[in-house]
């Protein structure tokens, strides 16, 4: 049942993004930024954690899960380090994902030939 919950919750998040692309004049970059901010806000007020507990990867893999991850990192670092945690918590919690994106980006750049389209 966990797979089914992950599938339909992740699917609904993607459907929301597709509706925003189709029905509004928002650019994809603004929609992605909105999803990250929504993940941060929902995580900060405690609404995203129950969704992650219910749907697992269906809620943590979409870009809104990245915002949630950052808000959780800030929350933990704030409790441990005080005000300094506000600045360091988000980057510390998301460091593995950011590092992986950089490494895989470099590998893709080395394996492909760039050019104008």
PDB file of N, CA and C in Angstrom:
ATOM      1  N   UNK A   1       0.827  -1.204   0.000  1.00  0.00           N
ATOM      2  CA  UNK A   1       0.000   0.000   0.000  1.00  0.00           C
ATOM      3  C   UNK A   1       0.866   1.261   0.000  1.00  0.00           C
ATOM      4  N   UNK A   2       2.082   1.136   0.561  1.00  0.00           N
ATOM      5  CA  UNK A   2       2.974   2.295   0.600  1.00  0.00           C
ATOM      6  C   UNK A   2       3.320   2.772  -0.810  1.00  0.00           C
ATOM      7  N   UNK A   3       3.510   1.847  -1.743  1.00  0.00           N
ATOM      8  CA  UNK A   3       3.809   2.219  -3.120  1.00  0.00           C
ATOM      9  C   UNK A   3       2.635   2.956  -3.766  1.00  0.00           C
ATOM     10  N   UNK A   4       1.447   2.505  -3.489  1.00  0.00           N
ATOM     11  CA  UNK A   4       0.250   3.138  -4.039  1.00  0.00           C
ATOM     12  C   UNK A   4       0.122   4.567  -3.506  1.00  0.00           C
ATOM     13  N   UNK A   5       0.339   4.753  -2.208  1.00  0.00           N
ATOM     14  CA  UNK A   5       0.266   6.092  -1.621  1.00  0.00           C
ATOM     15  C   UNK A   5       1.335   7.007  -2.198  1.00  0.00           C
ATOM     16  N   UNK A   6       2.543   6.479  -2.359  1.00  0.00           N
ATOM     17  CA  UNK A   6       3.614   7.287  -2.953  1.00  0.00           C
ATOM     18  C   UNK A   6       3.249   7.684  -4.385  1.00  0.00           C
ATOM     19  N   UNK A   7       2.667   6.745  -5.129  1.00  0.00           N
ATOM     20  CA  UNK A   7       2.318   7.007  -6.513  1.00  0.00           C
ATOM     21  C   UNK A   7       1.263   8.100  -6.637  1.00  0.00           C
ATOM     22  N   UNK A   8       0.180   7.982  -5.880  1.00  0.00           N
ATOM     23  CA  UNK A   8      -0.896   8.956  -6.086  1.00  0.00           C
ATOM     24  C   UNK A   8      -0.577  10.314  -5.476  1.00  0.00           C
ATOM     25  N   UNK A   9       0.161  10.370  -4.367  1.00  0.00           N
ATOM     26  CA  UNK A   9       0.526  11.673  -3.801  1.00  0.00           C
ATOM     27  C   UNK A   9       1.528  12.387  -4.712  1.00  0.00           C
ATOM     28  N   UNK A  10       2.556  11.659  -5.162  1.00  0.00           N
ATOM     29  CA  UNK A  10       3.509  12.249  -6.103  1.00  0.00           C
ATOM     30  C   UNK A  10       2.822  12.664  -7.394  1.00  0.00           C
ATOM     31  N   UNK A  11       1.890  11.852  -7.845  1.00  0.00           N
ATOM     32  CA  UNK A  11       1.133  12.189  -9.050  1.00  0.00           C
ATOM     33  C   UNK A  11       0.306  13.447  -8.886  1.00  0.00           C
ATOM     34  N   UNK A  12      -0.316  13.623  -7.725  1.00  0.00           N
ATOM     35  CA  UNK A  12      -1.101  14.842  -7.488  1.00  0.00           C
ATOM     36  C   UNK A  12      -0.222  16.091  -7.447  1.00  0.00           C
ATOM     37  N   UNK A  13       0.981  15.960  -6.893  1.00  0.00           N
ATOM     38  CA  UNK A  13       1.904  17.099  -6.890  1.00  0.00           C
ATOM     39  C   UNK A  13       2.293  17.454  -8.327  1.00  0.00           C
ATOM     40  N   UNK A  14       2.544  16.432  -9.142  1.00  0.00           N
ATOM     41  CA  UNK A  14       2.874  16.675 -10.549  1.00  0.00           C
ATOM     42  C   UNK A  14       1.681  17.243 -11.323  1.00  0.00           C
ATOM     43  N   UNK A  15       0.481  16.778 -11.018  1.00  0.00           N
ATOM     44  CA  UNK A  15      -0.722  17.304 -11.665  1.00  0.00           C
ATOM     45  C   UNK A  15      -0.891  18.787 -11.340  1.00  0.00           C
ATOM     46  N   UNK A  16      -0.634  19.157 -10.084  1.00  0.00           N
ATOM     47  CA  UNK A  16      -0.721  20.568  -9.704  1.00  0.00           C
ATOM     48  C   UNK A  16       0.262  21.412 -10.509  1.00  0.00           C
ATOM     49  N   UNK A  17       1.475  20.901 -10.689  1.00  0.00           N
ATOM     50  CA  UNK A  17       2.455  21.619 -11.509  1.00  0.00           C
ATOM     51  C   UNK A  17       2.019  21.724 -12.957  1.00  0.00           C
ATOM     52  N   UNK A  18       1.475  20.651 -13.505  1.00  0.00           N
ATOM     53  CA  UNK A  18       1.031  20.676 -14.900  1.00  0.00           C
ATOM     54  C   UNK A  18      -0.138  21.631 -15.091  1.00  0.00           C
ATOM     55  N   UNK A  19      -1.037  21.680 -14.143  1.00  0.00           N
ATOM     56  CA  UNK A  19      -2.160  22.629 -14.233  1.00  0.00           C
ATOM     57  C   UNK A  19      -1.629  24.061 -14.206  1.00  0.00           C
ATOM     58  N   UNK A  20      -0.652  24.327 -13.354  1.00  0.00           N
ATOM     59  CA  UNK A  20      -0.067  25.670 -13.313  1.00  0.00           C
ATOM     60  C   UNK A  20       0.609  26.023 -14.632  1.00  0.00           C
ATOM     61  N   UNK A  21       1.269  25.064 -15.260  1.00  0.00           N
ATOM     62  CA  UNK A  21       1.905  25.318 -16.555  1.00  0.00           C
ATOM     63  C   UNK A  21       0.857  25.595 -17.625  1.00  0.00           C
ATOM     64  N   UNK A  22      -0.205  24.781 -17.638  1.00  0.00           N
ATOM     65  CA  UNK A  22      -1.217  24.891 -18.694  1.00  0.00           C
ATOM     66  C   UNK A  22      -2.157  26.082 -18.530  1.00  0.00           C
ATOM     67  N   UNK A  23      -2.541  26.396 -17.318  1.00  0.00           N
ATOM     68  CA  UNK A  23      -3.611  27.371 -17.094  1.00  0.00           C
ATOM     69  C   UNK A  23      -3.127  28.761 -16.676  1.00  0.00           C
ATOM     70  N   UNK A  24      -1.855  28.925 -16.398  1.00  0.00           N
ATOM     71  CA  UNK A  24      -1.344  30.242 -16.002  1.00  0.00           C
ATOM     72  C   UNK A  24      -0.235  30.667 -16.946  1.00  0.00           C
ATOM     73  N   UNK A  25       0.172  31.891 -16.805  1.00  0.00           N
ATOM     74  CA  UNK A  25       1.281  32.398 -17.611  1.00  0.00           C
ATOM     75  C   UNK A  25       2.596  32.355 -16.829  1.00  0.00           C
ATOM     76  N   UNK A  26       2.607  31.582 -15.732  1.00  0.00           N
ATOM     77  CA  UNK A  26       3.829  31.445 -14.947  1.00  0.00           C
ATOM     78  C   UNK A  26       4.867  30.640 -15.727  1.00  0.00           C
ATOM     79  N   UNK A  27       6.119  31.041 -15.611  1.00  0.00           N
ATOM     80  CA  UNK A  27       7.197  30.288 -16.249  1.00  0.00           C
ATOM     81  C   UNK A  27       7.497  29.047 -15.408  1.00  0.00           C
ATOM     82  N   UNK A  28       8.069  28.024 -16.028  1.00  0.00           N
ATOM     83  CA  UNK A  28       8.427  26.834 -15.251  1.00  0.00           C
ATOM     84  C   UNK A  28       9.371  27.153 -14.080  1.00  0.00           C
ATOM     85  N   UNK A  29      10.260  28.103 -14.260  1.00  0.00           N
ATOM     86  CA  UNK A  29      11.173  28.469 -13.166  1.00  0.00           C
ATOM     87  C   UNK A  29      10.397  29.038 -11.978  1.00  0.00           C
ATOM     88  N   UNK A  30       9.400  29.846 -12.244  1.00  0.00           N
ATOM     89  CA  UNK A  30       8.597  30.409 -11.149  1.00  0.00           C
ATOM     90  C   UNK A  30       7.756  29.337 -10.472  1.00  0.00           C
ATOM     91  N   UNK A  31       7.268  28.391 -11.246  1.00  0.00           N
ATOM     92  CA  UNK A  31       6.486  27.305 -10.662  1.00  0.00           C
ATOM     93  C   UNK A  31       7.374  26.443  -9.764  1.00  0.00           C
ATOM     94  N   UNK A  32       8.576  26.115 -10.226  1.00  0.00           N
ATOM     95  CA  UNK A  32       9.499  25.334  -9.407  1.00  0.00           C
ATOM     96  C   UNK A  32       9.861  26.070  -8.127  1.00  0.00           C
ATOM     97  N   UNK A  33      10.120  27.362  -8.251  1.00  0.00           N
ATOM     98  CA  UNK A  33      10.427  28.159  -7.063  1.00  0.00           C
ATOM     99  C   UNK A  33       9.238  28.176  -6.115  1.00  0.00           C
ATOM    100  N   UNK A  34       8.055  28.272  -6.652  1.00  0.00           N
ATOM    101  CA  UNK A  34       6.853  28.248  -5.824  1.00  0.00           C
ATOM    102  C   UNK A  34       6.695  26.928  -5.085  1.00  0.00           C
ATOM    103  N   UNK A  35       7.022  25.821  -5.756  1.00  0.00           N
ATOM    104  CA  UNK A  35       6.950  24.518  -5.089  1.00  0.00           C
ATOM    105  C   UNK A  35       7.965  24.412  -3.956  1.00  0.00           C
ATOM    106  N   UNK A  36       9.180  24.933  -4.167  1.00  0.00           N
ATOM    107  CA  UNK A  36      10.184  24.898  -3.102  1.00  0.00           C
ATOM    108  C   UNK A  36       9.715  25.737  -1.920  1.00  0.00           C
ATOM    109  N   UNK A  37       9.225  26.935  -2.192  1.00  0.00           N
ATOM    110  CA  UNK A  37       8.738  27.804  -1.116  1.00  0.00           C
ATOM    111  C   UNK A  37       7.545  27.169  -0.406  1.00  0.00           C
ATOM    112  N   UNK A  38       6.656  26.543  -1.164  1.00  0.00           N
ATOM    113  CA  UNK A  38       5.512  25.865  -0.544  1.00  0.00           C
ATOM    114  C   UNK A  38       5.985  24.734   0.359  1.00  0.00           C
ATOM    115  N   UNK A  39       7.002  23.994  -0.066  1.00  0.00           N
ATOM    116  CA  UNK A  39       7.554  22.939   0.771  1.00  0.00           C
ATOM    117  C   UNK A  39       8.150  23.477   2.058  1.00  0.00           C
ATOM    118  N   UNK A  40       8.836  24.624   1.959  1.00  0.00           N
ATOM    119  CA  UNK A  40       9.413  25.252   3.152  1.00  0.00           C
ATOM    120  C   UNK A  40       8.303  25.707   4.098  1.00  0.00           C
ATOM    121  N   UNK A  41       7.307  26.379   3.563  1.00  0.00           N
ATOM    122  CA  UNK A  41       6.225  26.906   4.403  1.00  0.00           C
ATOM    123  C   UNK A  41       5.423  25.773   5.038  1.00  0.00           C
ATOM    124  N   UNK A  42       5.063  24.776   4.238  1.00  0.00           N
ATOM    125  CA  UNK A  42       4.305  23.644   4.791  1.00  0.00           C
ATOM    126  C   UNK A  42       5.128  22.861   5.807  1.00  0.00           C
ATOM    127  N   UNK A  43       6.434  22.770   5.574  1.00  0.00           N
ATOM    128  CA  UNK A  43       7.304  22.114   6.545  1.00  0.00           C
ATOM    129  C   UNK A  43       7.437  22.913   7.826  1.00  0.00           C
ATOM    130  N   UNK A  44       7.505  24.233   7.698  1.00  0.00           N
ATOM    131  CA  UNK A  44       7.671  25.090   8.876  1.00  0.00           C
ATOM    132  C   UNK A  44       6.437  25.072   9.773  1.00  0.00           C
ATOM    133  N   UNK A  45       5.266  24.958   9.177  1.00  0.00           N
ATOM    134  CA  UNK A  45       4.056  24.953  10.004  1.00  0.00           C
ATOM    135  C   UNK A  45       3.619  23.536  10.385  1.00  0.00           C
ATOM    136  N   UNK A  46       4.410  22.541   9.939  1.00  0.00           N
ATOM    137  CA  UNK A  46       4.169  21.174  10.382  1.00  0.00           C
ATOM    138  C   UNK A  46       3.176  20.379   9.563  1.00  0.00           C
ATOM    139  N   UNK A  47       2.832  20.828   8.365  1.00  0.00           N
ATOM    140  CA  UNK A  47       1.864  20.097   7.540  1.00  0.00           C
ATOM    141  C   UNK A  47       2.515  19.131   6.553  1.00  0.00           C
ATOM    142  N   UNK A  48       3.784  19.344   6.219  1.00  0.00           N
ATOM    143  CA  UNK A  48       4.420  18.493   5.209  1.00  0.00           C
ATOM    144  C   UNK A  48       4.956  17.195   5.803  1.00  0.00           C
ATOM    145  N   UNK A  49       5.356  17.205   7.065  1.00  0.00           N
ATOM    146  CA  UNK A  49       5.896  16.001   7.707  1.00  0.00           C
ATOM    147  C   UNK A  49       4.878  14.857   7.724  1.00  0.00           C
ATOM    148  N   UNK A  50       3.616  15.083   8.094  1.00  0.00           N
ATOM    149  CA  UNK A  50       2.648  13.972   8.029  1.00  0.00           C
ATOM    150  C   UNK A  50       2.453  13.448   6.603  1.00  0.00           C
ATOM    151  N   UNK A  51       2.557  14.329   5.606  1.00  0.00           N
ATOM    152  CA  UNK A  51       2.439  13.895   4.219  1.00  0.00           C
ATOM    153  C   UNK A  51       3.616  13.007   3.833  1.00  0.00           C
ATOM    154  N   UNK A  52       4.823  13.366   4.262  1.00  0.00           N
ATOM    155  CA  UNK A  52       6.004  12.538   3.995  1.00  0.00           C
ATOM    156  C   UNK A  52       5.887  11.206   4.721  1.00  0.00           C
ATOM    157  N   UNK A  53       5.394  11.220   5.932  1.00  0.00           N
ATOM    158  CA  UNK A  53       5.210   9.976   6.675  1.00  0.00           C
ATOM    159  C   UNK A  53       4.184   9.070   5.998  1.00  0.00           C
ATOM    160  N   UNK A  54       3.165   9.657   5.398  1.00  0.00           N
ATOM    161  CA  UNK A  54       2.116   8.894   4.733  1.00  0.00           C
ATOM    162  C   UNK A  54       2.561   8.395   3.362  1.00  0.00           C
ATOM    163  N   UNK A  55       3.169   9.267   2.557  1.00  0.00           N
ATOM    164  CA  UNK A  55       3.445   8.940   1.164  1.00  0.00           C
ATOM    165  C   UNK A  55       4.901   8.597   0.888  1.00  0.00           C
ATOM    166  N   UNK A  56       5.784   8.812   1.824  1.00  0.00           N
ATOM    167  CA  UNK A  56       7.194   8.477   1.616  1.00  0.00           C
ATOM    168  C   UNK A  56       7.793   9.244   0.460  1.00  0.00           C
ATOM    169  N   UNK A  57       8.355   8.512  -0.505  1.00  0.00           N
ATOM    170  CA  UNK A  57       9.027   9.134  -1.645  1.00  0.00           C
ATOM    171  C   UNK A  57       8.071   9.931  -2.528  1.00  0.00           C
ATOM    172  N   UNK A  58       6.805   9.643  -2.476  1.00  0.00           N
ATOM    173  CA  UNK A  58       5.833  10.397  -3.260  1.00  0.00           C
ATOM    174  C   UNK A  58       5.766  11.855  -2.850  1.00  0.00           C
ATOM    175  N   UNK A  59       6.134  12.154  -1.610  1.00  0.00           N
ATOM    176  CA  UNK A  59       6.133  13.534  -1.139  1.00  0.00           C
ATOM    177  C   UNK A  59       7.543  14.088  -0.970  1.00  0.00           C
ATOM    178  N   UNK A  60       8.541  13.217  -0.764  1.00  0.00           N
ATOM    179  CA  UNK A  60       9.884  13.731  -0.521  1.00  0.00           C
ATOM    180  C   UNK A  60      10.716  13.880  -1.786  1.00  0.00           C
ATOM    181  N   UNK A  61      10.385  13.177  -2.859  1.00  0.00           N
ATOM    182  CA  UNK A  61      11.163  13.270  -4.091  1.00  0.00           C
ATOM    183  C   UNK A  61      10.826  14.503  -4.925  1.00  0.00           C
ATOM    184  N   UNK A  62       9.568  14.929  -5.064  1.00  0.00           N
ATOM    185  CA  UNK A  62       9.306  16.146  -5.838  1.00  0.00           C
ATOM    186  C   UNK A  62      10.018  17.359  -5.246  1.00  0.00           C
ATOM    187  N   UNK A  63      10.110  18.421  -6.001  1.00  0.00           N
ATOM    188  CA  UNK A  63      10.879  19.599  -5.599  1.00  0.00           C
ATOM    189  C   UNK A  63      10.346  20.225  -4.312  1.00  0.00           C
ATOM    190  N   UNK A  64       9.082  20.029  -4.014  1.00  0.00           N
ATOM    191  CA  UNK A  64       8.559  20.532  -2.746  1.00  0.00           C
ATOM    192  C   UNK A  64       9.197  19.801  -1.567  1.00  0.00           C
ATOM    193  N   UNK A  65       9.622  18.559  -1.771  1.00  0.00           N
ATOM    194  CA  UNK A  65      10.335  17.813  -0.743  1.00  0.00           C
ATOM    195  C   UNK A  65      11.688  18.426  -0.434  1.00  0.00           C
ATOM    196  N   UNK A  66      12.318  19.059  -1.429  1.00  0.00           N
ATOM    197  CA  UNK A  66      13.583  19.761  -1.194  1.00  0.00           C
ATOM    198  C   UNK A  66      13.367  20.942  -0.253  1.00  0.00           C
ATOM    199  N   UNK A  67      12.294  21.678  -0.453  1.00  0.00           N
ATOM    200  CA  UNK A  67      11.969  22.777   0.453  1.00  0.00           C
ATOM    201  C   UNK A  67      11.697  22.281   1.858  1.00  0.00           C
ATOM    202  N   UNK A  68      10.986  21.159   1.960  1.00  0.00           N
ATOM    203  CA  UNK A  68      10.720  20.562   3.264  1.00  0.00           C
ATOM    204  C   UNK A  68      12.025  20.140   3.936  1.00  0.00           C
ATOM    205  N   UNK A  69      12.931  19.538   3.173  1.00  0.00           N
ATOM    206  CA  UNK A  69      14.219  19.122   3.709  1.00  0.00           C
ATOM    207  C   UNK A  69      15.000  20.309   4.270  1.00  0.00           C
ATOM    208  N   UNK A  70      14.961  21.412   3.554  1.00  0.00           N
ATOM    209  CA  UNK A  70      15.661  22.606   4.022  1.00  0.00           C
ATOM    210  C   UNK A  70      15.025  23.156   5.296  1.00  0.00           C
ATOM    211  N   UNK A  71      13.704  23.175   5.363  1.00  0.00           N
ATOM    212  CA  UNK A  71      13.053  23.702   6.570  1.00  0.00           C
ATOM    213  C   UNK A  71      13.319  22.814   7.779  1.00  0.00           C
ATOM    214  N   UNK A  72      13.372  21.498   7.574  1.00  0.00           N
ATOM    215  CA  UNK A  72      13.698  20.592   8.675  1.00  0.00           C
ATOM    216  C   UNK A  72      15.130  20.795   9.144  1.00  0.00           C
ATOM    217  N   UNK A  73      16.046  21.027   8.199  1.00  0.00           N
ATOM    218  CA  UNK A  73      17.434  21.284   8.573  1.00  0.00           C
ATOM    219  C   UNK A  73      17.584  22.555   9.382  1.00  0.00           C
ATOM    220  N   UNK A  74      16.860  23.595   8.999  1.00  0.00           N
ATOM    221  CA  UNK A  74      16.904  24.851   9.745  1.00  0.00           C
ATOM    222  C   UNK A  74      16.310  24.652  11.135  1.00  0.00           C
ATOM    223  N   UNK A  75      15.224  23.908  11.222  1.00  0.00           N
ATOM    224  CA  UNK A  75      14.586  23.667  12.523  1.00  0.00           C
ATOM    225  C   UNK A  75      15.548  22.949  13.481  1.00  0.00           C
ATOM    226  N   UNK A  76      16.222  21.895  12.980  1.00  0.00           N
ATOM    227  CA  UNK A  76      17.150  21.139  13.820  1.00  0.00           C
ATOM    228  C   UNK A  76      18.368  21.972  14.189  1.00  0.00           C
ATOM    229  N   UNK A  77      18.925  22.702  13.220  1.00  0.00           N
ATOM    230  CA  UNK A  77      20.111  23.510  13.498  1.00  0.00           C
ATOM    231  C   UNK A  77      19.787  24.668  14.427  1.00  0.00           C
ATOM    232  N   UNK A  78      18.598  25.203  14.327  1.00  0.00           N
ATOM    233  CA  UNK A  78      18.182  26.281  15.230  1.00  0.00           C
ATOM    234  C   UNK A  78      18.109  25.780  16.669  1.00  0.00           C
ATOM    235  N   UNK A  79      17.626  24.555  16.835  1.00  0.00           N
ATOM    236  CA  UNK A  79      17.556  23.976  18.178  1.00  0.00           C
ATOM    237  C   UNK A  79      18.951  23.681  18.733  1.00  0.00           C
ATOM    238  N   UNK A  80      19.895  23.283  17.868  1.00  0.00           N
ATOM    239  CA  UNK A  80      21.235  22.929  18.320  1.00  0.00           C
ATOM    240  C   UNK A  80      22.166  24.128  18.431  1.00  0.00           C
ATOM    241  N   UNK A  81      22.182  24.982  17.404  1.00  0.00           N
ATOM    242  CA  UNK A  81      23.184  26.043  17.302  1.00  0.00           C
ATOM    243  C   UNK A  81      22.644  27.431  17.587  1.00  0.00           C
ATOM    244  N   UNK A  82      21.382  27.566  17.807  1.00  0.00           N
ATOM    245  CA  UNK A  82      20.805  28.883  18.037  1.00  0.00           C
ATOM    246  C   UNK A  82      20.617  29.632  16.726  1.00  0.00           C
ATOM    247  N   UNK A  83      20.789  30.949  16.768  1.00  0.00           N
ATOM    248  CA  UNK A  83      20.523  31.791  15.603  1.00  0.00           C
ATOM    249  C   UNK A  83      21.419  31.459  14.416  1.00  0.00           C
ATOM    250  N   UNK A  84      22.620  30.956  14.665  1.00  0.00           N
ATOM    251  CA  UNK A  84      23.507  30.575  13.567  1.00  0.00           C
ATOM    252  C   UNK A  84      22.892  29.446  12.739  1.00  0.00           C
ATOM    253  N   UNK A  85      22.071  28.627  13.343  1.00  0.00           N
ATOM    254  CA  UNK A  85      21.415  27.536  12.644  1.00  0.00           C
ATOM    255  C   UNK A  85      20.472  27.996  11.551  1.00  0.00           C
ATOM    256  N   UNK A  86      19.983  29.223  11.655  1.00  0.00           N
ATOM    257  CA  UNK A  86      19.114  29.766  10.604  1.00  0.00           C
ATOM    258  C   UNK A  86      19.872  29.849   9.289  1.00  0.00           C
ATOM    259  N   UNK A  87      21.145  30.207   9.370  1.00  0.00           N
ATOM    260  CA  UNK A  87      21.962  30.363   8.169  1.00  0.00           C
ATOM    261  C   UNK A  87      22.547  29.047   7.671  1.00  0.00           C
ATOM    262  N   UNK A  88      22.873  28.139   8.583  1.00  0.00           N
ATOM    263  CA  UNK A  88      23.587  26.930   8.187  1.00  0.00           C
ATOM    264  C   UNK A  88      22.709  25.698   8.049  1.00  0.00           C
ATOM    265  N   UNK A  89      21.559  25.657   8.671  1.00  0.00           N
ATOM    266  CA  UNK A  89      20.740  24.447   8.723  1.00  0.00           C
ATOM    267  C   UNK A  89      20.270  23.944   7.378  1.00  0.00           C
ATOM    268  N   UNK A  90      19.774  24.835   6.524  1.00  0.00           N
ATOM    269  CA  UNK A  90      19.259  24.417   5.225  1.00  0.00           C
ATOM    270  C   UNK A  90      20.337  23.841   4.333  1.00  0.00           C
ATOM    271  N   UNK A  91      21.499  24.480   4.327  1.00  0.00           N
ATOM    272  CA  UNK A  91      22.588  23.982   3.495  1.00  0.00           C
ATOM    273  C   UNK A  91      23.165  22.684   4.032  1.00  0.00           C
ATOM    274  N   UNK A  92      23.239  22.553   5.328  1.00  0.00           N
ATOM    275  CA  UNK A  92      23.768  21.322   5.916  1.00  0.00           C
ATOM    276  C   UNK A  92      22.852  20.142   5.609  1.00  0.00           C
ATOM    277  N   UNK A  93      21.553  20.330   5.729  1.00  0.00           N
ATOM    278  CA  UNK A  93      20.629  19.218   5.501  1.00  0.00           C
ATOM    279  C   UNK A  93      20.535  18.842   4.028  1.00  0.00           C
ATOM    280  N   UNK A  94      20.742  19.788   3.145  1.00  0.00           N
ATOM    281  CA  UNK A  94      20.627  19.518   1.713  1.00  0.00           C
ATOM    282  C   UNK A  94      21.980  19.334   1.041  1.00  0.00           C
ATOM    283  N   UNK A  95      23.057  19.256   1.817  1.00  0.00           N
ATOM    284  CA  UNK A  95      24.402  19.204   1.252  1.00  0.00           C
ATOM    285  C   UNK A  95      24.608  17.992   0.347  1.00  0.00           C
ATOM    286  N   UNK A  96      24.094  16.831   0.730  1.00  0.00           N
ATOM    287  CA  UNK A  96      24.295  15.635  -0.088  1.00  0.00           C
ATOM    288  C   UNK A  96      23.620  15.780  -1.451  1.00  0.00           C
ATOM    289  N   UNK A  97      22.395  16.277  -1.475  1.00  0.00           N
ATOM    290  CA  UNK A  97      21.692  16.459  -2.739  1.00  0.00           C
ATOM    291  C   UNK A  97      22.335  17.517  -3.619  1.00  0.00           C
ATOM    292  N   UNK A  98      22.764  18.613  -3.012  1.00  0.00           N
ATOM    293  CA  UNK A  98      23.424  19.667  -3.776  1.00  0.00           C
ATOM    294  C   UNK A  98      24.754  19.171  -4.336  1.00  0.00           C
ATOM    295  N   UNK A  99      25.511  18.453  -3.509  1.00  0.00           N
ATOM    296  CA  UNK A  99      26.795  17.903  -3.966  1.00  0.00           C
ATOM    297  C   UNK A  99      26.599  16.912  -5.103  1.00  0.00           C
ATOM    298  N   UNK A 100      25.593  16.054  -4.990  1.00  0.00           N
ATOM    299  CA  UNK A 100      25.322  15.091  -6.053  1.00  0.00           C
ATOM    300  C   UNK A 100      24.943  15.801  -7.350  1.00  0.00           C
ATOM    301  N   UNK A 101      24.155  16.863  -7.258  1.00  0.00           N
ATOM    302  CA  UNK A 101      23.778  17.612  -8.458  1.00  0.00           C
ATOM    303  C   UNK A 101      24.998  18.233  -9.128  1.00  0.00           C
ATOM    304  N   UNK A 102      25.917  18.746  -8.328  1.00  0.00           N
ATOM    305  CA  UNK A 102      27.129  19.342  -8.896  1.00  0.00           C
ATOM    306  C   UNK A 102      27.996  18.275  -9.557  1.00  0.00           C
ATOM    307  N   UNK A 103      28.216  17.155  -8.869  1.00  0.00           N
ATOM    308  CA  UNK A 103      29.066  16.096  -9.412  1.00  0.00           C
ATOM    309  C   UNK A 103      28.461  15.527 -10.689  1.00  0.00           C
ATOM    310  N   UNK A 104      27.178  15.214 -10.688  1.00  0.00           N
ATOM    311  CA  UNK A 104      26.561  14.655 -11.887  1.00  0.00           C
ATOM    312  C   UNK A 104      26.484  15.678 -13.019  1.00  0.00           C
ATOM    313  N   UNK A 105      26.351  16.943 -12.672  1.00  0.00           N
ATOM    314  CA  UNK A 105      26.392  17.993 -13.693  1.00  0.00           C
ATOM    315  C   UNK A 105      27.747  18.066 -14.365  1.00  0.00           C
ATOM    316  N   UNK A 106      28.816  17.950 -13.579  1.00  0.00           N
ATOM    317  CA  UNK A 106      30.173  17.957 -14.143  1.00  0.00           C
ATOM    318  C   UNK A 106      30.392  16.734 -15.018  1.00  0.00           C
ATOM    319  N   UNK A 107      29.951  15.573 -14.555  1.00  0.00           N
ATOM    320  CA  UNK A 107      30.100  14.351 -15.350  1.00  0.00           C
ATOM    321  C   UNK A 107      29.341  14.477 -16.665  1.00  0.00           C
ATOM    322  N   UNK A 108      28.115  15.001 -16.622  1.00  0.00           N
ATOM    323  CA  UNK A 108      27.339  15.180 -17.850  1.00  0.00           C
ATOM    324  C   UNK A 108      28.018  16.167 -18.785  1.00  0.00           C
ATOM    325  N   UNK A 109      28.607  17.225 -18.230  1.00  0.00           N
ATOM    326  CA  UNK A 109      29.302  18.210 -19.062  1.00  0.00           C
ATOM    327  C   UNK A 109      30.537  17.606 -19.719  1.00  0.00           C
ATOM    328  N   UNK A 110      31.232  16.721 -19.023  1.00  0.00           N
ATOM    329  CA  UNK A 110      32.418  16.087 -19.588  1.00  0.00           C
ATOM    330  C   UNK A 110      32.075  15.027 -20.628  1.00  0.00           C
ATOM    331  N   UNK A 111      30.920  14.405 -20.507  1.00  0.00           N
ATOM    332  CA  UNK A 111      30.527  13.328 -21.411  1.00  0.00           C
ATOM    333  C   UNK A 111      29.786  13.798 -22.652  1.00  0.00           C
ATOM    334  N   UNK A 112      29.374  15.036 -22.674  1.00  0.00           N
ATOM    335  CA  UNK A 112      28.605  15.549 -23.812  1.00  0.00           C
ATOM    336  C   UNK A 112      29.314  16.735 -24.435  1.00  0.00           C
ATOM    337  N   UNK A 113      28.921  17.060 -25.631  1.00  0.00           N
ATOM    338  CA  UNK A 113      29.490  18.221 -26.325  1.00  0.00           C
ATOM    339  C   UNK A 113      28.430  19.309 -26.344  1.00  0.00           C
ATOM    340  N   UNK A 114      28.793  20.447 -25.797  1.00  0.00           N
ATOM    341  CA  UNK A 114      27.822  21.543 -25.770  1.00  0.00           C
ATOM    342  C   UNK A 114      27.850  22.303 -27.085  1.00  0.00           C
ATOM    343  N   UNK A 115      26.759  22.931 -27.374  1.00  0.00           N
ATOM    344  CA  UNK A 115      26.674  23.712 -28.599  1.00  0.00           C
ATOM    345  C   UNK A 115      25.358  24.465 -28.642  1.00  0.00           C
ATOM    346  N   UNK A 116      25.308  25.426 -29.535  1.00  0.00           N
ATOM    347  CA  UNK A 116      24.078  26.196 -29.708  1.00  0.00           C
ATOM    348  C   UNK A 116      23.036  25.348 -30.397  1.00  0.00           C
ATOM    349  N   UNK A 117      21.791  25.607 -30.059  1.00  0.00           N
ATOM    350  CA  UNK A 117      20.688  24.865 -30.672  1.00  0.00           C
ATOM    351  C   UNK A 117      20.131  25.657 -31.822  1.00  0.00           C
TER     352      UNK A 117
END
